[in-house]
Amino acid sequence: MQKHKHDDEPKDAETGKARKLSANARPIDGFALVVDGKFKTQFETSDAAMAAGTKLKQKYPVIRIAIFDAVERSYATVELAEIAAKPGSD
């Protein structure tokens, strides 16, 4: 079985490894990717978190994805942009 590499995940400045979060512990700084109500990965910028969330939402459109801003303590939902007109909606 081939293991997947996660080159696009954020790296911890000290260790160089991806910074994973405890599923239920809110971060105190930065931006966290929240998948189906669980904290997954922490990012330094909202743009990086939103890019990762959008990429994940495109791959798995059924899951609920949000970005948690630790400083503001607020959530921003990641939604897919509506694709042109749906077929058969003429």
PDB file of N, CA and C in Angstrom:
ATOM      1  N   MET A   1       0.837  -1.168   0.000  1.00  0.00           N
ATOM      2  CA  MET A   1       0.000   0.000   0.000  1.00  0.00           C
ATOM      3  C   MET A   1       0.893   1.246   0.000  1.00  0.00           C
ATOM      4  N   GLN A   2       0.570   2.175  -0.873  1.00  0.00           N
ATOM      5  CA  GLN A   2       1.379   3.373  -1.000  1.00  0.00           C
ATOM      6  C   GLN A   2       0.883   4.440  -0.026  1.00  0.00           C
ATOM      7  N   LYS A   3       1.804   5.064   0.688  1.00  0.00           N
ATOM      8  CA  LYS A   3       1.439   6.133   1.611  1.00  0.00           C
ATOM      9  C   LYS A   3       1.395   7.447   0.859  1.00  0.00           C
ATOM     10  N   HIS A   4       0.463   8.301   1.265  1.00  0.00           N
ATOM     11  CA  HIS A   4       0.326   9.602   0.622  1.00  0.00           C
ATOM     12  C   HIS A   4       1.231  10.618   1.297  1.00  0.00           C
ATOM     13  N   LYS A   5       1.798  11.496   0.503  1.00  0.00           N
ATOM     14  CA  LYS A   5       2.604  12.587   1.047  1.00  0.00           C
ATOM     15  C   LYS A   5       1.730  13.823   1.155  1.00  0.00           C
ATOM     16  N   HIS A   6       1.926  14.577   2.194  1.00  0.00           N
ATOM     17  CA  HIS A   6       1.137  15.779   2.431  1.00  0.00           C
ATOM     18  C   HIS A   6       2.047  16.998   2.347  1.00  0.00           C
ATOM     19  N   ASP A   7       2.500  17.311   1.152  1.00  0.00           N
ATOM     20  CA  ASP A   7       3.416  18.431   0.962  1.00  0.00           C
ATOM     21  C   ASP A   7       2.742  19.786   1.136  1.00  0.00           C
ATOM     22  N   ASP A   8       1.402  19.843   0.969  1.00  0.00           N
ATOM     23  CA  ASP A   8       0.714  21.122   1.050  1.00  0.00           C
ATOM     24  C   ASP A   8       0.261  21.467   2.471  1.00  0.00           C
ATOM     25  N   GLU A   9       0.540  20.616   3.458  1.00  0.00           N
ATOM     26  CA  GLU A   9       0.153  20.897   4.830  1.00  0.00           C
ATOM     27  C   GLU A   9       1.124  21.893   5.455  1.00  0.00           C
ATOM     28  N   PRO A  10       0.640  22.698   6.394  1.00  0.00           N
ATOM     29  CA  PRO A  10       1.518  23.672   7.037  1.00  0.00           C
ATOM     30  C   PRO A  10       2.586  22.987   7.874  1.00  0.00           C
ATOM     31  N   LYS A  11       3.709  23.631   7.994  1.00  0.00           N
ATOM     32  CA  LYS A  11       4.820  23.069   8.752  1.00  0.00           C
ATOM     33  C   LYS A  11       5.012  23.847  10.051  1.00  0.00           C
ATOM     34  N   ASP A  12       5.342  23.136  11.109  1.00  0.00           N
ATOM     35  CA  ASP A  12       5.670  23.747  12.382  1.00  0.00           C
ATOM     36  C   ASP A  12       7.046  24.385  12.231  1.00  0.00           C
ATOM     37  N   ALA A  13       7.205  25.630  12.664  1.00  0.00           N
ATOM     38  CA  ALA A  13       8.453  26.356  12.477  1.00  0.00           C
ATOM     39  C   ALA A  13       9.633  25.664  13.158  1.00  0.00           C
ATOM     40  N   GLU A  14       9.408  25.049  14.306  1.00  0.00           N
ATOM     41  CA  GLU A  14      10.501  24.433  15.053  1.00  0.00           C
ATOM     42  C   GLU A  14      10.893  23.058  14.517  1.00  0.00           C
ATOM     43  N   THR A  15       9.914  22.226  14.228  1.00  0.00           N
ATOM     44  CA  THR A  15      10.214  20.849  13.832  1.00  0.00           C
ATOM     45  C   THR A  15      10.131  20.618  12.337  1.00  0.00           C
ATOM     46  N   GLY A  16       9.432  21.491  11.611  1.00  0.00           N
ATOM     47  CA  GLY A  16       9.266  21.308  10.181  1.00  0.00           C
ATOM     48  C   GLY A  16       8.175  20.314   9.828  1.00  0.00           C
ATOM     49  N   LYS A  17       7.444  19.819  10.835  1.00  0.00           N
ATOM     50  CA  LYS A  17       6.365  18.860  10.600  1.00  0.00           C
ATOM     51  C   LYS A  17       5.027  19.584  10.543  1.00  0.00           C
ATOM     52  N   ALA A  18       4.029  18.940   9.921  1.00  0.00           N
ATOM     53  CA  ALA A  18       2.692  19.509   9.858  1.00  0.00           C
ATOM     54  C   ALA A  18       2.148  19.684  11.268  1.00  0.00           C
ATOM     55  N   ARG A  19       1.427  20.756  11.484  1.00  0.00           N
ATOM     56  CA  ARG A  19       0.921  21.054  12.813  1.00  0.00           C
ATOM     57  C   ARG A  19      -0.508  20.541  12.951  1.00  0.00           C
ATOM     58  N   LYS A  20      -0.652  19.385  13.562  1.00  0.00           N
ATOM     59  CA  LYS A  20      -1.965  18.776  13.778  1.00  0.00           C
ATOM     60  C   LYS A  20      -2.530  19.263  15.106  1.00  0.00           C
ATOM     61  N   LEU A  21      -3.853  19.293  15.179  1.00  0.00           N
ATOM     62  CA  LEU A  21      -4.532  19.757  16.387  1.00  0.00           C
ATOM     63  C   LEU A  21      -5.283  18.619  17.047  1.00  0.00           C
ATOM     64  N   SER A  22      -5.547  18.785  18.324  1.00  0.00           N
ATOM     65  CA  SER A  22      -6.443  17.870  19.015  1.00  0.00           C
ATOM     66  C   SER A  22      -7.836  18.116  18.447  1.00  0.00           C
ATOM     67  N   ALA A  23      -8.613  17.092  18.229  1.00  0.00           N
ATOM     68  CA  ALA A  23      -9.895  17.213  17.552  1.00  0.00           C
ATOM     69  C   ALA A  23     -10.887  18.137  18.255  1.00  0.00           C
ATOM     70  N   ASN A  24     -10.814  18.258  19.565  1.00  0.00           N
ATOM     71  CA  ASN A  24     -11.796  19.052  20.292  1.00  0.00           C
ATOM     72  C   ASN A  24     -11.219  20.276  20.989  1.00  0.00           C
ATOM     73  N   ALA A  25      -9.931  20.493  20.927  1.00  0.00           N
ATOM     74  CA  ALA A  25      -9.304  21.629  21.607  1.00  0.00           C
ATOM     75  C   ALA A  25      -9.189  22.812  20.660  1.00  0.00           C
ATOM     76  N   ARG A  26      -9.771  23.946  21.039  1.00  0.00           N
ATOM     77  CA  ARG A  26      -9.686  25.147  20.208  1.00  0.00           C
ATOM     78  C   ARG A  26      -8.274  25.719  20.257  1.00  0.00           C
ATOM     79  N   PRO A  27      -7.758  26.124  19.104  1.00  0.00           N
ATOM     80  CA  PRO A  27      -6.439  26.776  19.102  1.00  0.00           C
ATOM     81  C   PRO A  27      -6.562  28.186  19.673  1.00  0.00           C
ATOM     82  N   ILE A  28      -5.445  28.740  20.129  1.00  0.00           N
ATOM     83  CA  ILE A  28      -5.479  30.085  20.701  1.00  0.00           C
ATOM     84  C   ILE A  28      -4.923  31.137  19.746  1.00  0.00           C
ATOM     85  N   ASP A  29      -4.317  30.697  18.645  1.00  0.00           N
ATOM     86  CA  ASP A  29      -3.838  31.648  17.645  1.00  0.00           C
ATOM     87  C   ASP A  29      -3.930  31.026  16.261  1.00  0.00           C
ATOM     88  N   GLY A  30      -3.898  31.857  15.234  1.00  0.00           N
ATOM     89  CA  GLY A  30      -3.942  31.383  13.864  1.00  0.00           C
ATOM     90  C   GLY A  30      -5.338  30.987  13.417  1.00  0.00           C
ATOM     91  N   PHE A  31      -5.377  30.160  12.394  1.00  0.00           N
ATOM     92  CA  PHE A  31      -6.623  29.728  11.778  1.00  0.00           C
ATOM     93  C   PHE A  31      -6.622  28.209  11.687  1.00  0.00           C
ATOM     94  N   ALA A  32      -7.731  27.602  12.038  1.00  0.00           N
ATOM     95  CA  ALA A  32      -7.809  26.136  12.039  1.00  0.00           C
ATOM     96  C   ALA A  32      -8.833  25.655  11.024  1.00  0.00           C
ATOM     97  N   LEU A  33      -8.503  24.574  10.345  1.00  0.00           N
ATOM     98  CA  LEU A  33      -9.423  23.920   9.427  1.00  0.00           C
ATOM     99  C   LEU A  33     -10.310  22.997  10.260  1.00  0.00           C
ATOM    100  N   VAL A  34     -11.624  23.176  10.145  1.00  0.00           N
ATOM    101  CA  VAL A  34     -12.590  22.381  10.905  1.00  0.00           C
ATOM    102  C   VAL A  34     -13.366  21.514   9.920  1.00  0.00           C
ATOM    103  N   VAL A  35     -13.285  20.192  10.093  1.00  0.00           N
ATOM    104  CA  VAL A  35     -13.971  19.253   9.204  1.00  0.00           C
ATOM    105  C   VAL A  35     -14.991  18.479  10.023  1.00  0.00           C
ATOM    106  N   ASP A  36     -16.251  18.618   9.636  1.00  0.00           N
ATOM    107  CA  ASP A  36     -17.358  17.960  10.338  1.00  0.00           C
ATOM    108  C   ASP A  36     -17.306  18.202  11.843  1.00  0.00           C
ATOM    109  N   GLY A  37     -16.997  19.433  12.226  1.00  0.00           N
ATOM    110  CA  GLY A  37     -17.009  19.833  13.628  1.00  0.00           C
ATOM    111  C   GLY A  37     -15.751  19.513  14.407  1.00  0.00           C
ATOM    112  N   LYS A  38     -14.748  18.950  13.763  1.00  0.00           N
ATOM    113  CA  LYS A  38     -13.494  18.590  14.450  1.00  0.00           C
ATOM    114  C   LYS A  38     -12.341  19.436  13.912  1.00  0.00           C
ATOM    115  N   PHE A  39     -11.529  19.965  14.817  1.00  0.00           N
ATOM    116  CA  PHE A  39     -10.358  20.740  14.417  1.00  0.00           C
ATOM    117  C   PHE A  39      -9.326  19.795  13.820  1.00  0.00           C
ATOM    118  N   LYS A  40      -8.773  20.161  12.664  1.00  0.00           N
ATOM    119  CA  LYS A  40      -7.843  19.272  11.971  1.00  0.00           C
ATOM    120  C   LYS A  40      -6.432  19.836  11.876  1.00  0.00           C
ATOM    121  N   THR A  41      -6.243  20.944  11.181  1.00  0.00           N
ATOM    122  CA  THR A  41      -4.906  21.477  10.937  1.00  0.00           C
ATOM    123  C   THR A  41      -4.909  22.976  11.162  1.00  0.00           C
ATOM    124  N   GLN A  42      -3.822  23.486  11.708  1.00  0.00           N
ATOM    125  CA  GLN A  42      -3.718  24.916  11.991  1.00  0.00           C
ATOM    126  C   GLN A  42      -2.861  25.607  10.933  1.00  0.00           C
ATOM    127  N   PHE A  43      -3.283  26.813  10.539  1.00  0.00           N
ATOM    128  CA  PHE A  43      -2.583  27.618   9.547  1.00  0.00           C
ATOM    129  C   PHE A  43      -2.274  28.990  10.129  1.00  0.00           C
ATOM    130  N   GLU A  44      -1.256  29.641   9.596  1.00  0.00           N
ATOM    131  CA  GLU A  44      -0.903  30.973  10.070  1.00  0.00           C
ATOM    132  C   GLU A  44      -1.780  32.051   9.454  1.00  0.00           C
ATOM    133  N   THR A  45      -2.257  31.841   8.222  1.00  0.00           N
ATOM    134  CA  THR A  45      -3.080  32.858   7.552  1.00  0.00           C
ATOM    135  C   THR A  45      -4.439  32.283   7.167  1.00  0.00           C
ATOM    136  N   SER A  46      -5.411  33.183   7.044  1.00  0.00           N
ATOM    137  CA  SER A  46      -6.750  32.745   6.651  1.00  0.00           C
ATOM    138  C   SER A  46      -6.759  32.302   5.190  1.00  0.00           C
ATOM    139  N   ASP A  47      -5.929  32.926   4.354  1.00  0.00           N
ATOM    140  CA  ASP A  47      -5.866  32.536   2.940  1.00  0.00           C
ATOM    141  C   ASP A  47      -5.381  31.099   2.782  1.00  0.00           C
ATOM    142  N   ALA A  48      -4.364  30.711   3.535  1.00  0.00           N
ATOM    143  CA  ALA A  48      -3.843  29.343   3.465  1.00  0.00           C
ATOM    144  C   ALA A  48      -4.895  28.348   3.955  1.00  0.00           C
ATOM    145  N   ALA A  49      -5.594  28.697   5.024  1.00  0.00           N
ATOM    146  CA  ALA A  49      -6.636  27.818   5.559  1.00  0.00           C
ATOM    147  C   ALA A  49      -7.792  27.688   4.572  1.00  0.00           C
ATOM    148  N   MET A  50      -8.184  28.805   3.961  1.00  0.00           N
ATOM    149  CA  MET A  50      -9.290  28.787   3.006  1.00  0.00           C
ATOM    150  C   MET A  50      -8.905  27.993   1.756  1.00  0.00           C
ATOM    151  N   ALA A  51      -7.657  28.109   1.304  1.00  0.00           N
ATOM    152  CA  ALA A  51      -7.204  27.350   0.134  1.00  0.00           C
ATOM    153  C   ALA A  51      -7.260  25.850   0.420  1.00  0.00           C
ATOM    154  N   ALA A  52      -6.796  25.443   1.596  1.00  0.00           N
ATOM    155  CA  ALA A  52      -6.835  24.027   1.963  1.00  0.00           C
ATOM    156  C   ALA A  52      -8.278  23.546   2.108  1.00  0.00           C
ATOM    157  N   GLY A  53      -9.130  24.381   2.701  1.00  0.00           N
ATOM    158  CA  GLY A  53     -10.537  24.025   2.868  1.00  0.00           C
ATOM    159  C   GLY A  53     -11.264  23.886   1.541  1.00  0.00           C
ATOM    160  N   THR A  54     -10.980  24.798   0.622  1.00  0.00           N
ATOM    161  CA  THR A  54     -11.603  24.750  -0.701  1.00  0.00           C
ATOM    162  C   THR A  54     -11.165  23.511  -1.470  1.00  0.00           C
ATOM    163  N   LYS A  55      -9.883  23.204  -1.385  1.00  0.00           N
ATOM    164  CA  LYS A  55      -9.353  22.012  -2.070  1.00  0.00           C
ATOM    165  C   LYS A  55     -10.017  20.743  -1.525  1.00  0.00           C
ATOM    166  N   LEU A  56     -10.175  20.682  -0.210  1.00  0.00           N
ATOM    167  CA  LEU A  56     -10.813  19.529   0.420  1.00  0.00           C
ATOM    168  C   LEU A  56     -12.297  19.451   0.059  1.00  0.00           C
ATOM    169  N   LYS A  57     -12.972  20.595   0.028  1.00  0.00           N
ATOM    170  CA  LYS A  57     -14.398  20.639  -0.303  1.00  0.00           C
ATOM    171  C   LYS A  57     -14.637  20.208  -1.752  1.00  0.00           C
ATOM    172  N   GLN A  58     -13.714  20.569  -2.652  1.00  0.00           N
ATOM    173  CA  GLN A  58     -13.850  20.146  -4.049  1.00  0.00           C
ATOM    174  C   GLN A  58     -13.708  18.632  -4.173  1.00  0.00           C
ATOM    175  N   LYS A  59     -12.823  18.066  -3.383  1.00  0.00           N
ATOM    176  CA  LYS A  59     -12.599  16.617  -3.444  1.00  0.00           C
ATOM    177  C   LYS A  59     -13.730  15.842  -2.765  1.00  0.00           C
ATOM    178  N   TYR A  60     -14.234  16.376  -1.655  1.00  0.00           N
ATOM    179  CA  TYR A  60     -15.303  15.729  -0.877  1.00  0.00           C
ATOM    180  C   TYR A  60     -16.409  16.751  -0.602  1.00  0.00           C
ATOM    181  N   PRO A  61     -17.317  16.981  -1.559  1.00  0.00           N
ATOM    182  CA  PRO A  61     -18.318  18.044  -1.419  1.00  0.00           C
ATOM    183  C   PRO A  61     -19.364  17.812  -0.330  1.00  0.00           C
ATOM    184  N   VAL A  62     -19.476  16.607   0.185  1.00  0.00           N
ATOM    185  CA  VAL A  62     -20.510  16.310   1.182  1.00  0.00           C
ATOM    186  C   VAL A  62     -20.107  16.755   2.590  1.00  0.00           C
ATOM    187  N   ILE A  63     -18.818  16.785   2.892  1.00  0.00           N
ATOM    188  CA  ILE A  63     -18.385  17.117   4.250  1.00  0.00           C
ATOM    189  C   ILE A  63     -18.571  18.609   4.552  1.00  0.00           C
ATOM    190  N   ARG A  64     -18.747  18.914   5.830  1.00  0.00           N
ATOM    191  CA  ARG A  64     -18.880  20.304   6.275  1.00  0.00           C
ATOM    192  C   ARG A  64     -17.489  20.820   6.644  1.00  0.00           C
ATOM    193  N   ILE A  65     -17.112  21.941   6.045  1.00  0.00           N
ATOM    194  CA  ILE A  65     -15.790  22.513   6.289  1.00  0.00           C
ATOM    195  C   ILE A  65     -15.949  23.973   6.688  1.00  0.00           C
ATOM    196  N   ALA A  66     -15.205  24.371   7.715  1.00  0.00           N
ATOM    197  CA  ALA A  66     -15.199  25.767   8.155  1.00  0.00           C
ATOM    198  C   ALA A  66     -13.777  26.142   8.546  1.00  0.00           C
ATOM    199  N   ILE A  67     -13.524  27.435   8.597  1.00  0.00           N
ATOM    200  CA  ILE A  67     -12.248  27.968   9.051  1.00  0.00           C
ATOM    201  C   ILE A  67     -12.512  28.676  10.368  1.00  0.00           C
ATOM    202  N   PHE A  68     -11.775  28.305  11.410  1.00  0.00           N
ATOM    203  CA  PHE A  68     -11.928  28.916  12.732  1.00  0.00           C
ATOM    204  C   PHE A  68     -10.835  29.952  12.931  1.00  0.00           C
ATOM    205  N   ASP A  69     -11.236  31.199  13.208  1.00  0.00           N
ATOM    206  CA  ASP A  69     -10.293  32.283  13.515  1.00  0.00           C
ATOM    207  C   ASP A  69     -10.130  32.303  15.033  1.00  0.00           C
ATOM    208  N   ALA A  70      -8.956  31.919  15.522  1.00  0.00           N
ATOM    209  CA  ALA A  70      -8.739  31.773  16.962  1.00  0.00           C
ATOM    210  C   ALA A  70      -8.770  33.107  17.697  1.00  0.00           C
ATOM    211  N   VAL A  71      -8.299  34.176  17.065  1.00  0.00           N
ATOM    212  CA  VAL A  71      -8.275  35.471  17.730  1.00  0.00           C
ATOM    213  C   VAL A  71      -9.688  36.041  17.857  1.00  0.00           C
ATOM    214  N   GLU A  72     -10.455  35.998  16.772  1.00  0.00           N
ATOM    215  CA  GLU A  72     -11.823  36.525  16.766  1.00  0.00           C
ATOM    216  C   GLU A  72     -12.832  35.522  17.333  1.00  0.00           C
ATOM    217  N   ARG A  73     -12.414  34.255  17.444  1.00  0.00           N
ATOM    218  CA  ARG A  73     -13.295  33.167  17.885  1.00  0.00           C
ATOM    219  C   ARG A  73     -14.550  33.093  17.019  1.00  0.00           C
ATOM    220  N   SER A  74     -14.315  33.063  15.697  1.00  0.00           N
ATOM    221  CA  SER A  74     -15.429  33.001  14.755  1.00  0.00           C
ATOM    222  C   SER A  74     -15.145  31.947  13.689  1.00  0.00           C
ATOM    223  N   TYR A  75     -16.214  31.508  13.047  1.00  0.00           N
ATOM    224  CA  TYR A  75     -16.122  30.490  12.010  1.00  0.00           C
ATOM    225  C   TYR A  75     -16.533  31.089  10.668  1.00  0.00           C
ATOM    226  N   ALA A  76     -15.877  30.657   9.594  1.00  0.00           N
ATOM    227  CA  ALA A  76     -16.258  31.018   8.230  1.00  0.00           C
ATOM    228  C   ALA A  76     -16.468  29.710   7.476  1.00  0.00           C
ATOM    229  N   THR A  77     -17.669  29.494   6.981  1.00  0.00           N
ATOM    230  CA  THR A  77     -17.992  28.261   6.276  1.00  0.00           C
ATOM    231  C   THR A  77     -17.369  28.268   4.886  1.00  0.00           C
ATOM    232  N   VAL A  78     -16.831  27.133   4.477  1.00  0.00           N
ATOM    233  CA  VAL A  78     -16.263  26.980   3.138  1.00  0.00           C
ATOM    234  C   VAL A  78     -17.340  26.367   2.245  1.00  0.00           C
ATOM    235  N   GLU A  79     -17.717  27.100   1.203  1.00  0.00           N
ATOM    236  CA  GLU A  79     -18.725  26.633   0.260  1.00  0.00           C
ATOM    237  C   GLU A  79     -18.118  26.587  -1.134  1.00  0.00           C
ATOM    238  N   LEU A  80     -18.592  25.669  -1.950  1.00  0.00           N
ATOM    239  CA  LEU A  80     -18.160  25.623  -3.341  1.00  0.00           C
ATOM    240  C   LEU A  80     -18.930  26.673  -4.125  1.00  0.00           C
ATOM    241  N   ALA A  81     -18.248  27.338  -5.038  1.00  0.00           N
ATOM    242  CA  ALA A  81     -18.914  28.319  -5.891  1.00  0.00           C
ATOM    243  C   ALA A  81     -19.886  27.581  -6.805  1.00  0.00           C
ATOM    244  N   GLU A  82     -21.007  28.190  -7.039  1.00  0.00           N
ATOM    245  CA  GLU A  82     -21.988  27.559  -7.932  1.00  0.00           C
ATOM    246  C   GLU A  82     -21.392  27.445  -9.326  1.00  0.00           C
ATOM    247  N   ILE A  83     -21.460  26.264  -9.872  1.00  0.00           N
ATOM    248  CA  ILE A  83     -20.994  26.040 -11.241  1.00  0.00           C
ATOM    249  C   ILE A  83     -22.096  26.522 -12.170  1.00  0.00           C
ATOM    250  N   ALA A  84     -21.761  26.957 -13.348  1.00  0.00           N
ATOM    251  CA  ALA A  84     -22.745  27.494 -14.310  1.00  0.00           C
ATOM    252  C   ALA A  84     -24.110  26.836 -14.161  1.00  0.00           C
ATOM    253  N   ALA A  85     -25.022  27.070 -14.987  1.00  0.00           N
ATOM    254  CA  ALA A  85     -26.383  26.531 -14.872  1.00  0.00           C
ATOM    255  C   ALA A  85     -26.353  25.004 -14.830  1.00  0.00           C
ATOM    256  N   LYS A  86     -27.223  24.462 -13.992  1.00  0.00           N
ATOM    257  CA  LYS A  86     -27.313  22.999 -13.902  1.00  0.00           C
ATOM    258  C   LYS A  86     -27.931  22.446 -15.178  1.00  0.00           C
ATOM    259  N   PRO A  87     -27.525  21.252 -15.608  1.00  0.00           N
ATOM    260  CA  PRO A  87     -28.114  20.666 -16.824  1.00  0.00           C
ATOM    261  C   PRO A  87     -29.606  20.444 -16.635  1.00  0.00           C
ATOM    262  N   GLY A  88     -30.369  20.768 -17.650  1.00  0.00           N
ATOM    263  CA  GLY A  88     -31.809  20.547 -17.615  1.00  0.00           C
ATOM    264  C   GLY A  88     -32.573  21.649 -16.920  1.00  0.00           C
ATOM    265  N   SER A  89     -31.921  22.780 -16.584  1.00  0.00           N
ATOM    266  CA  SER A  89     -32.631  23.857 -15.893  1.00  0.00           C
ATOM    267  C   SER A  89     -33.069  24.949 -16.860  1.00  0.00           C
ATOM    268  N   ASP A  90     -33.124  24.657 -18.164  1.00  0.00           N
ATOM    269  CA  ASP A  90     -33.524  25.653 -19.173  1.00  0.00           C
ATOM    270  C   ASP A  90     -34.958  26.011 -19.050  1.00  0.00           C
TER     271      ASP A  90
END
